[in-house]
Amino acid sequence: VTPRHLGARHSGLVWATLFAGLALIVSGCTTGG
């Protein structure tokens, strides 16, 4: 799931970090393997 929705409401370092985590995995989405 892309983080576009959350980005519409929030900004800053904390959310940037969260975006990175969401980009890696939401409910089982993997970056490799």
PDB file of all heavy atoms in Angstrom:
ATOM      1  N   VAL A   1       0.848  -1.178   0.000  1.00  0.00           N
ATOM      2  CA  VAL A   1       0.000   0.000   0.000  1.00  0.00           C
ATOM      3  C   VAL A   1       0.882   1.225   0.000  1.00  0.00           C
ATOM      4  O   VAL A   1       1.760   1.366   0.849  1.00  0.00           O
ATOM      5  CB  VAL A   1      -0.908   0.020   1.255  1.00  0.00           C
ATOM      6  CG1 VAL A   1      -1.765   1.272   1.248  1.00  0.00           C
ATOM      7  CG2 VAL A   1      -1.773  -1.229   1.294  1.00  0.00           C
ATOM      8  N   THR A   2       0.685   2.129  -0.946  1.00  0.00           N
ATOM      9  CA  THR A   2       1.506   3.331  -0.995  1.00  0.00           C
ATOM     10  C   THR A   2       1.113   4.277   0.114  1.00  0.00           C
ATOM     11  O   THR A   2      -0.012   4.280   0.579  1.00  0.00           O
ATOM     12  CB  THR A   2       1.327   4.049  -2.343  1.00  0.00           C
ATOM     13  OG1 THR A   2      -0.031   4.483  -2.444  1.00  0.00           O
ATOM     14  CG2 THR A   2       1.664   3.128  -3.496  1.00  0.00           C
ATOM     15  N   PRO A   3       2.039   5.136   0.558  1.00  0.00           N
ATOM     16  CA  PRO A   3       1.756   6.023   1.680  1.00  0.00           C
ATOM     17  C   PRO A   3       1.104   7.332   1.277  1.00  0.00           C
ATOM     18  O   PRO A   3       1.074   8.245   2.057  1.00  0.00           O
ATOM     19  CB  PRO A   3       3.158   6.269   2.260  1.00  0.00           C
ATOM     20  CG  PRO A   3       4.060   6.195   1.069  1.00  0.00           C
ATOM     21  CD  PRO A   3       3.464   5.137   0.182  1.00  0.00           C
ATOM     22  N   ARG A   4       0.540   7.410   0.058  1.00  0.00           N
ATOM     23  CA  ARG A   4      -0.003   8.679  -0.398  1.00  0.00           C
ATOM     24  C   ARG A   4      -1.080   9.202   0.550  1.00  0.00           C
ATOM     25  O   ARG A   4      -1.155  10.381   0.848  1.00  0.00           O
ATOM     26  CB  ARG A   4      -0.626   8.497  -1.794  1.00  0.00           C
ATOM     27  CG  ARG A   4      -1.423   9.706  -2.268  1.00  0.00           C
ATOM     28  CD  ARG A   4      -1.993   9.466  -3.643  1.00  0.00           C
ATOM     29  NE  ARG A   4      -2.856   8.309  -3.683  1.00  0.00           N
ATOM     30  CZ  ARG A   4      -4.130   8.334  -3.268  1.00  0.00           C
ATOM     31  NH1 ARG A   4      -4.625   9.445  -2.777  1.00  0.00           N
ATOM     32  NH2 ARG A   4      -4.874   7.252  -3.332  1.00  0.00           N
ATOM     33  N   HIS A   5      -1.944   8.317   1.033  1.00  0.00           N
ATOM     34  CA  HIS A   5      -3.047   8.762   1.874  1.00  0.00           C
ATOM     35  C   HIS A   5      -2.555   9.412   3.164  1.00  0.00           C
ATOM     36  O   HIS A   5      -2.987  10.486   3.544  1.00  0.00           O
ATOM     37  CB  HIS A   5      -3.955   7.577   2.202  1.00  0.00           C
ATOM     38  CG  HIS A   5      -4.952   7.894   3.249  1.00  0.00           C
ATOM     39  ND1 HIS A   5      -6.087   8.624   2.992  1.00  0.00           N
ATOM     40  CD2 HIS A   5      -4.967   7.606   4.567  1.00  0.00           C
ATOM     41  CE1 HIS A   5      -6.764   8.765   4.099  1.00  0.00           C
ATOM     42  NE2 HIS A   5      -6.116   8.152   5.066  1.00  0.00           N
ATOM     43  N   LEU A   6      -1.632   8.753   3.844  1.00  0.00           N
ATOM     44  CA  LEU A   6      -1.112   9.338   5.076  1.00  0.00           C
ATOM     45  C   LEU A   6      -0.391  10.643   4.789  1.00  0.00           C
ATOM     46  O   LEU A   6      -0.451  11.585   5.572  1.00  0.00           O
ATOM     47  CB  LEU A   6      -0.167   8.347   5.763  1.00  0.00           C
ATOM     48  CG  LEU A   6      -0.838   7.116   6.395  1.00  0.00           C
ATOM     49  CD1 LEU A   6       0.219   6.179   6.938  1.00  0.00           C
ATOM     50  CD2 LEU A   6      -1.792   7.529   7.491  1.00  0.00           C
ATOM     51  N   GLY A   7       0.293  10.700   3.661  1.00  0.00           N
ATOM     52  CA  GLY A   7       1.028  11.903   3.332  1.00  0.00           C
ATOM     53  C   GLY A   7       0.129  13.095   3.114  1.00  0.00           C
ATOM     54  O   GLY A   7       0.561  14.239   3.215  1.00  0.00           O
ATOM     55  N   ALA A   8      -1.150  12.861   2.823  1.00  0.00           N
ATOM     56  CA  ALA A   8      -2.066  13.973   2.626  1.00  0.00           C
ATOM     57  C   ALA A   8      -2.374  14.682   3.920  1.00  0.00           C
ATOM     58  O   ALA A   8      -2.884  15.786   3.924  1.00  0.00           O
ATOM     59  CB  ALA A   8      -3.364  13.460   1.992  1.00  0.00           C
ATOM     60  N   ARG A   9      -2.079  14.028   5.041  1.00  0.00           N
ATOM     61  CA  ARG A   9      -2.431  14.625   6.323  1.00  0.00           C
ATOM     62  C   ARG A   9      -1.232  14.987   7.188  1.00  0.00           C
ATOM     63  O   ARG A   9      -1.343  15.775   8.101  1.00  0.00           O
ATOM     64  CB  ARG A   9      -3.319  13.647   7.111  1.00  0.00           C
ATOM     65  CG  ARG A   9      -4.755  13.650   6.636  1.00  0.00           C
ATOM     66  CD  ARG A   9      -5.566  12.713   7.510  1.00  0.00           C
ATOM     67  NE  ARG A   9      -6.987  12.890   7.288  1.00  0.00           N
ATOM     68  CZ  ARG A   9      -7.636  12.401   6.254  1.00  0.00           C
ATOM     69  NH1 ARG A   9      -6.984  11.697   5.370  1.00  0.00           N
ATOM     70  NH2 ARG A   9      -8.925  12.602   6.110  1.00  0.00           N
ATOM     71  N   HIS A  10      -0.101  14.386   6.984  1.00  0.00           N
ATOM     72  CA  HIS A  10       0.998  14.545   7.919  1.00  0.00           C
ATOM     73  C   HIS A  10       2.299  14.817   7.172  1.00  0.00           C
ATOM     74  O   HIS A  10       2.484  14.442   6.034  1.00  0.00           O
ATOM     75  CB  HIS A  10       1.163  13.274   8.769  1.00  0.00           C
ATOM     76  CG  HIS A  10      -0.087  12.929   9.528  1.00  0.00           C
ATOM     77  ND1 HIS A  10      -0.484  13.589  10.653  1.00  0.00           N
ATOM     78  CD2 HIS A  10      -1.012  11.986   9.289  1.00  0.00           C
ATOM     79  CE1 HIS A  10      -1.611  13.063  11.096  1.00  0.00           C
ATOM     80  NE2 HIS A  10      -1.953  12.085  10.280  1.00  0.00           N
ATOM     81  N   SER A  11       3.224  15.437   7.877  1.00  0.00           N
ATOM     82  CA  SER A  11       4.552  15.671   7.327  1.00  0.00           C
ATOM     83  C   SER A  11       5.547  15.643   8.473  1.00  0.00           C
ATOM     84  O   SER A  11       5.185  15.611   9.629  1.00  0.00           O
ATOM     85  CB  SER A  11       4.591  17.027   6.613  1.00  0.00           C
ATOM     86  OG  SER A  11       4.318  18.071   7.527  1.00  0.00           O
ATOM     87  N   GLY A  12       6.851  15.690   8.124  1.00  0.00           N
ATOM     88  CA  GLY A  12       7.872  15.721   9.167  1.00  0.00           C
ATOM     89  C   GLY A  12       8.674  14.455   9.211  1.00  0.00           C
ATOM     90  O   GLY A  12       8.371  13.455   8.560  1.00  0.00           O
ATOM     91  N   LEU A  13       9.702  14.492  10.054  1.00  0.00           N
ATOM     92  CA  LEU A  13      10.646  13.386  10.123  1.00  0.00           C
ATOM     93  C   LEU A  13       9.989  12.108  10.595  1.00  0.00           C
ATOM     94  O   LEU A  13      10.259  11.025  10.079  1.00  0.00           O
ATOM     95  CB  LEU A  13      11.801  13.758  11.071  1.00  0.00           C
ATOM     96  CG  LEU A  13      12.874  12.686  11.280  1.00  0.00           C
ATOM     97  CD1 LEU A  13      13.528  12.345   9.947  1.00  0.00           C
ATOM     98  CD2 LEU A  13      13.919  13.175  12.276  1.00  0.00           C
ATOM     99  N   VAL A  14       9.080  12.215  11.591  1.00  0.00           N
ATOM    100  CA  VAL A  14       8.460  11.011  12.119  1.00  0.00           C
ATOM    101  C   VAL A  14       7.682  10.295  11.032  1.00  0.00           C
ATOM    102  O   VAL A  14       7.777   9.087  10.850  1.00  0.00           O
ATOM    103  CB  VAL A  14       7.525  11.373  13.291  1.00  0.00           C
ATOM    104  CG1 VAL A  14       6.730  10.144  13.725  1.00  0.00           C
ATOM    105  CG2 VAL A  14       8.348  11.900  14.460  1.00  0.00           C
ATOM    106  N   TRP A  15       6.902  11.082  10.242  1.00  0.00           N
ATOM    107  CA  TRP A  15       6.118  10.450   9.203  1.00  0.00           C
ATOM    108  C   TRP A  15       6.981   9.991   8.047  1.00  0.00           C
ATOM    109  O   TRP A  15       6.656   9.014   7.373  1.00  0.00           O
ATOM    110  CB  TRP A  15       5.019  11.392   8.721  1.00  0.00           C
ATOM    111  CG  TRP A  15       3.947  11.508   9.755  1.00  0.00           C
ATOM    112  CD1 TRP A  15       3.729  12.537  10.609  1.00  0.00           C
ATOM    113  CD2 TRP A  15       2.972  10.517  10.076  1.00  0.00           C
ATOM    114  NE1 TRP A  15       2.680  12.249  11.428  1.00  0.00           N
ATOM    115  CE2 TRP A  15       2.199  11.025  11.132  1.00  0.00           C
ATOM    116  CE3 TRP A  15       2.692   9.251   9.566  1.00  0.00           C
ATOM    117  CZ2 TRP A  15       1.154  10.316  11.674  1.00  0.00           C
ATOM    118  CZ3 TRP A  15       1.649   8.543  10.120  1.00  0.00           C
ATOM    119  CH2 TRP A  15       0.893   9.070  11.158  1.00  0.00           C
ATOM    120  N   ALA A  16       8.076  10.677   7.800  1.00  0.00           N
ATOM    121  CA  ALA A  16       8.985  10.205   6.750  1.00  0.00           C
ATOM    122  C   ALA A  16       9.521   8.830   7.106  1.00  0.00           C
ATOM    123  O   ALA A  16       9.664   7.950   6.265  1.00  0.00           O
ATOM    124  CB  ALA A  16      10.129  11.196   6.563  1.00  0.00           C
ATOM    125  N   THR A  17       9.831   8.650   8.392  1.00  0.00           N
ATOM    126  CA  THR A  17      10.301   7.346   8.837  1.00  0.00           C
ATOM    127  C   THR A  17       9.217   6.301   8.682  1.00  0.00           C
ATOM    128  O   THR A  17       9.448   5.177   8.245  1.00  0.00           O
ATOM    129  CB  THR A  17      10.739   7.427  10.316  1.00  0.00           C
ATOM    130  OG1 THR A  17      11.744   8.425  10.430  1.00  0.00           O
ATOM    131  CG2 THR A  17      11.286   6.090  10.778  1.00  0.00           C
ATOM    132  N   LEU A  18       7.963   6.686   9.057  1.00  0.00           N
ATOM    133  CA  LEU A  18       6.859   5.751   8.924  1.00  0.00           C
ATOM    134  C   LEU A  18       6.627   5.381   7.469  1.00  0.00           C
ATOM    135  O   LEU A  18       6.360   4.228   7.138  1.00  0.00           O
ATOM    136  CB  LEU A  18       5.587   6.374   9.512  1.00  0.00           C
ATOM    137  CG  LEU A  18       4.305   5.533   9.392  1.00  0.00           C
ATOM    138  CD1 LEU A  18       4.504   4.190  10.059  1.00  0.00           C
ATOM    139  CD2 LEU A  18       3.131   6.272   9.983  1.00  0.00           C
ATOM    140  N   PHE A  19       6.757   6.380   6.567  1.00  0.00           N
ATOM    141  CA  PHE A  19       6.570   6.087   5.148  1.00  0.00           C
ATOM    142  C   PHE A  19       7.556   5.022   4.691  1.00  0.00           C
ATOM    143  O   PHE A  19       7.227   4.130   3.922  1.00  0.00           O
ATOM    144  CB  PHE A  19       6.779   7.351   4.316  1.00  0.00           C
ATOM    145  CG  PHE A  19       5.692   8.367   4.489  1.00  0.00           C
ATOM    146  CD1 PHE A  19       5.873   9.657   4.041  1.00  0.00           C
ATOM    147  CD2 PHE A  19       4.495   8.022   5.090  1.00  0.00           C
ATOM    148  CE1 PHE A  19       4.867  10.583   4.195  1.00  0.00           C
ATOM    149  CE2 PHE A  19       3.501   8.946   5.252  1.00  0.00           C
ATOM    150  CZ  PHE A  19       3.690  10.237   4.805  1.00  0.00           C
ATOM    151  N   ALA A  20       8.771   5.145   5.149  1.00  0.00           N
ATOM    152  CA  ALA A  20       9.773   4.166   4.741  1.00  0.00           C
ATOM    153  C   ALA A  20       9.365   2.775   5.184  1.00  0.00           C
ATOM    154  O   ALA A  20       9.496   1.799   4.445  1.00  0.00           O
ATOM    155  CB  ALA A  20      11.136   4.544   5.331  1.00  0.00           C
ATOM    156  N   GLY A  21       8.835   2.688   6.439  1.00  0.00           N
ATOM    157  CA  GLY A  21       8.397   1.387   6.919  1.00  0.00           C
ATOM    158  C   GLY A  21       7.208   0.860   6.142  1.00  0.00           C
ATOM    159  O   GLY A  21       7.136  -0.303   5.802  1.00  0.00           O
ATOM    160  N   LEU A  22       6.265   1.771   5.838  1.00  0.00           N
ATOM    161  CA  LEU A  22       5.091   1.343   5.084  1.00  0.00           C
ATOM    162  C   LEU A  22       5.462   0.909   3.679  1.00  0.00           C
ATOM    163  O   LEU A  22       4.874   0.000   3.110  1.00  0.00           O
ATOM    164  CB  LEU A  22       4.069   2.483   5.017  1.00  0.00           C
ATOM    165  CG  LEU A  22       3.246   2.699   6.281  1.00  0.00           C
ATOM    166  CD1 LEU A  22       2.414   3.963   6.135  1.00  0.00           C
ATOM    167  CD2 LEU A  22       2.367   1.504   6.557  1.00  0.00           C
ATOM    168  N   ALA A  23       6.431   1.589   3.094  1.00  0.00           N
ATOM    169  CA  ALA A  23       6.854   1.230   1.747  1.00  0.00           C
ATOM    170  C   ALA A  23       7.463  -0.158   1.722  1.00  0.00           C
ATOM    171  O   ALA A  23       7.430  -0.852   0.719  1.00  0.00           O
ATOM    172  CB  ALA A  23       7.860   2.250   1.220  1.00  0.00           C
ATOM    173  N   LEU A  24       8.054  -0.560   2.851  1.00  0.00           N
ATOM    174  CA  LEU A  24       8.677  -1.879   2.906  1.00  0.00           C
ATOM    175  C   LEU A  24       7.648  -2.975   3.064  1.00  0.00           C
ATOM    176  O   LEU A  24       7.720  -4.009   2.416  1.00  0.00           O
ATOM    177  CB  LEU A  24       9.675  -1.938   4.079  1.00  0.00           C
ATOM    178  CG  LEU A  24      10.927  -1.069   3.925  1.00  0.00           C
ATOM    179  CD1 LEU A  24      11.761  -1.173   5.200  1.00  0.00           C
ATOM    180  CD2 LEU A  24      11.752  -1.497   2.715  1.00  0.00           C
ATOM    181  N   ILE A  25       6.674  -2.727   3.975  1.00  0.00           N
ATOM    182  CA  ILE A  25       5.750  -3.827   4.234  1.00  0.00           C
ATOM    183  C   ILE A  25       4.472  -3.325   4.857  1.00  0.00           C
ATOM    184  O   ILE A  25       4.504  -2.520   5.767  1.00  0.00           O
ATOM    185  CB  ILE A  25       6.394  -4.881   5.156  1.00  0.00           C
ATOM    186  CG1 ILE A  25       5.398  -5.994   5.488  1.00  0.00           C
ATOM    187  CG2 ILE A  25       6.917  -4.287   6.437  1.00  0.00           C
ATOM    188  CD1 ILE A  25       6.007  -7.171   6.167  1.00  0.00           C
ATOM    189  N   VAL A  26       3.345  -3.734   4.319  1.00  0.00           N
ATOM    190  CA  VAL A  26       2.054  -3.581   4.953  1.00  0.00           C
ATOM    191  C   VAL A  26       1.373  -4.930   4.851  1.00  0.00           C
ATOM    192  O   VAL A  26       1.034  -5.394   3.769  1.00  0.00           O
ATOM    193  CB  VAL A  26       1.199  -2.496   4.264  1.00  0.00           C
ATOM    194  CG1 VAL A  26      -0.204  -2.482   4.870  1.00  0.00           C
ATOM    195  CG2 VAL A  26       1.850  -1.137   4.406  1.00  0.00           C
ATOM    196  N   SER A  27       1.250  -5.569   5.986  1.00  0.00           N
ATOM    197  CA  SER A  27       0.598  -6.875   6.041  1.00  0.00           C
ATOM    198  C   SER A  27       1.275  -7.913   5.169  1.00  0.00           C
ATOM    199  O   SER A  27       0.637  -8.593   4.383  1.00  0.00           O
ATOM    200  CB  SER A  27      -0.870  -6.749   5.634  1.00  0.00           C
ATOM    201  OG  SER A  27      -1.529  -5.841   6.440  1.00  0.00           O
ATOM    202  N   GLY A  28       2.571  -8.032   5.249  1.00  0.00           N
ATOM    203  CA  GLY A  28       3.229  -9.125   4.563  1.00  0.00           C
ATOM    204  C   GLY A  28       3.930  -8.729   3.294  1.00  0.00           C
ATOM    205  O   GLY A  28       4.476  -9.587   2.616  1.00  0.00           O
ATOM    206  N   CYS A  29       3.946  -7.456   2.891  1.00  0.00           N
ATOM    207  CA  CYS A  29       4.670  -7.041   1.685  1.00  0.00           C
ATOM    208  C   CYS A  29       6.159  -7.037   2.002  1.00  0.00           C
ATOM    209  O   CYS A  29       6.586  -6.511   3.017  1.00  0.00           O
ATOM    210  CB  CYS A  29       4.190  -5.647   1.277  1.00  0.00           C
ATOM    211  SG  CYS A  29       5.169  -4.898  -0.013  1.00  0.00           S
ATOM    212  N   THR A  30       6.987  -7.623   1.135  1.00  0.00           N
ATOM    213  CA  THR A  30       8.394  -7.779   1.428  1.00  0.00           C
ATOM    214  C   THR A  30       9.257  -7.025   0.440  1.00  0.00           C
ATOM    215  O   THR A  30       8.854  -6.692  -0.657  1.00  0.00           O
ATOM    216  CB  THR A  30       8.784  -9.274   1.381  1.00  0.00           C
ATOM    217  OG1 THR A  30       8.588  -9.734   0.055  1.00  0.00           O
ATOM    218  CG2 THR A  30       7.946 -10.089   2.340  1.00  0.00           C
ATOM    219  N   THR A  31      10.501  -6.759   0.871  1.00  0.00           N
ATOM    220  CA  THR A  31      11.452  -6.072   0.011  1.00  0.00           C
ATOM    221  C   THR A  31      12.342  -7.048  -0.735  1.00  0.00           C
ATOM    222  O   THR A  31      13.039  -6.671  -1.646  1.00  0.00           O
ATOM    223  CB  THR A  31      12.350  -5.149   0.849  1.00  0.00           C
ATOM    224  OG1 THR A  31      13.009  -5.949   1.825  1.00  0.00           O
ATOM    225  CG2 THR A  31      11.520  -4.099   1.553  1.00  0.00           C
ATOM    226  N   GLY A  32      12.337  -8.251  -0.341  1.00  0.00           N
ATOM    227  CA  GLY A  32      13.172  -9.245  -1.006  1.00  0.00           C
ATOM    228  C   GLY A  32      13.053 -10.561  -0.291  1.00  0.00           C
ATOM    229  O   GLY A  32      12.701 -10.624   0.875  1.00  0.00           O
ATOM    230  N   GLY A  33      13.337 -11.635  -0.995  1.00  0.00           N
ATOM    231  CA  GLY A  33      13.199 -12.936  -0.377  1.00  0.00           C
ATOM    232  C   GLY A  33      11.752 -13.356  -0.336  1.00  0.00           C
ATOM    233  O   GLY A  33      10.850 -12.661  -0.768  1.00  0.00           O
TER     234      GLY A  33
END
